[in-house]
Amino acid sequence: LNFMDKVKKGIEKVSKKDIRRVAQKYLRPDKVQILVVGKKESFDKPLSTLGEVNVIDIKIPPLKSKKKK
């Protein structure tokens, strides 16, 4: 078997019960954070409907052209 066949077989062995068990053990709904990227004007409703919003500006300034000497 090649690597991808082994991965596929491993995934196929995972049951819904396995997923629920692991989710209950490791996922903490009170600690969930959602990252949304995009222009706020393009969303169909305010992000505040999801909970507290912290806006982070990630604009990259334009490159400055270098003049040859």
Protein backbone atom coordinates (compact mmCIF):
# COMPACT_ATOMS: atom_id res chain seq x y z
CA LEU A 1 0.00 0.00 0.00
CA ASN A 2 1.15 3.51 -0.68
CA PHE A 3 0.97 6.29 1.89
CA MET A 4 -2.36 7.74 0.69
CA ASP A 5 -4.00 4.30 0.75
CA LYS A 6 -2.90 3.88 4.37
CA VAL A 7 -4.25 7.32 5.28
CA LYS A 8 -7.58 6.57 3.58
CA LYS A 9 -7.93 3.23 5.37
CA GLY A 10 -7.16 4.91 8.70
CA ILE A 11 -9.77 7.60 8.12
CA GLU A 12 -12.37 5.03 7.09
CA LYS A 13 -11.91 3.26 10.44
CA VAL A 14 -12.95 6.38 12.39
CA SER A 15 -16.56 6.17 13.59
CA LYS A 16 -19.03 8.89 14.58
CA LYS A 17 -18.68 7.61 18.13
CA ASP A 18 -14.89 8.13 17.95
CA ILE A 19 -15.36 11.70 16.74
CA ARG A 20 -17.88 12.52 19.49
CA ARG A 21 -15.64 11.00 22.18
CA VAL A 22 -12.59 12.98 21.09
CA ALA A 23 -14.61 16.19 20.62
CA GLN A 24 -16.06 15.92 24.13
CA LYS A 25 -12.58 15.38 25.54
CA TYR A 26 -10.72 18.17 23.71
CA LEU A 27 -13.17 20.81 22.45
CA ARG A 28 -14.23 23.49 24.93
CA PRO A 29 -17.18 25.57 23.67
CA ASP A 30 -16.40 28.28 26.24
CA LYS A 31 -12.91 28.67 24.72
CA VAL A 32 -13.88 28.74 21.04
CA GLN A 33 -12.62 31.66 18.99
CA ILE A 34 -13.67 32.42 15.43
CA LEU A 35 -11.40 34.21 12.98
CA VAL A 36 -13.20 36.03 10.17
CA VAL A 37 -11.20 37.65 7.39
CA GLY A 38 -12.64 40.11 4.90
CA LYS A 39 -14.27 43.48 4.50
CA LYS A 40 -16.94 44.01 7.14
CA GLU A 41 -19.15 45.70 4.54
CA SER A 42 -19.35 42.43 2.59
CA PHE A 43 -20.87 40.34 5.42
CA ASP A 44 -24.63 39.85 5.32
CA LYS A 45 -25.05 40.68 9.03
CA PRO A 46 -22.94 42.33 11.74
CA LEU A 47 -20.23 40.09 13.19
CA SER A 48 -21.39 41.13 16.65
CA THR A 49 -24.22 38.61 16.22
CA LEU A 50 -21.53 35.95 16.80
CA GLY A 51 -20.36 37.50 20.08
CA GLU A 52 -17.62 39.90 21.13
CA VAL A 53 -15.70 41.34 18.17
CA ASN A 54 -12.04 42.39 18.22
CA VAL A 55 -10.97 44.08 14.99
CA ILE A 56 -7.36 43.63 13.95
CA ASP A 57 -6.07 45.75 11.07
CA ILE A 58 -3.79 43.63 8.92
CA LYS A 59 -3.34 46.02 6.01
CA ILE A 60 0.04 45.72 4.39
CA PRO A 61 1.52 49.08 3.44
CA PRO A 62 2.47 49.49 -0.23
CA LEU A 63 6.07 48.91 -1.18
CA LYS A 64 8.19 52.00 -1.56
CA SER A 65 9.90 52.24 -4.92
CA LYS A 66 13.66 52.43 -4.83
CA LYS A 67 15.26 55.07 -7.01
CA LYS A 68 18.44 54.04 -8.80
CA LYS A 69 21.47 56.17 -8.01
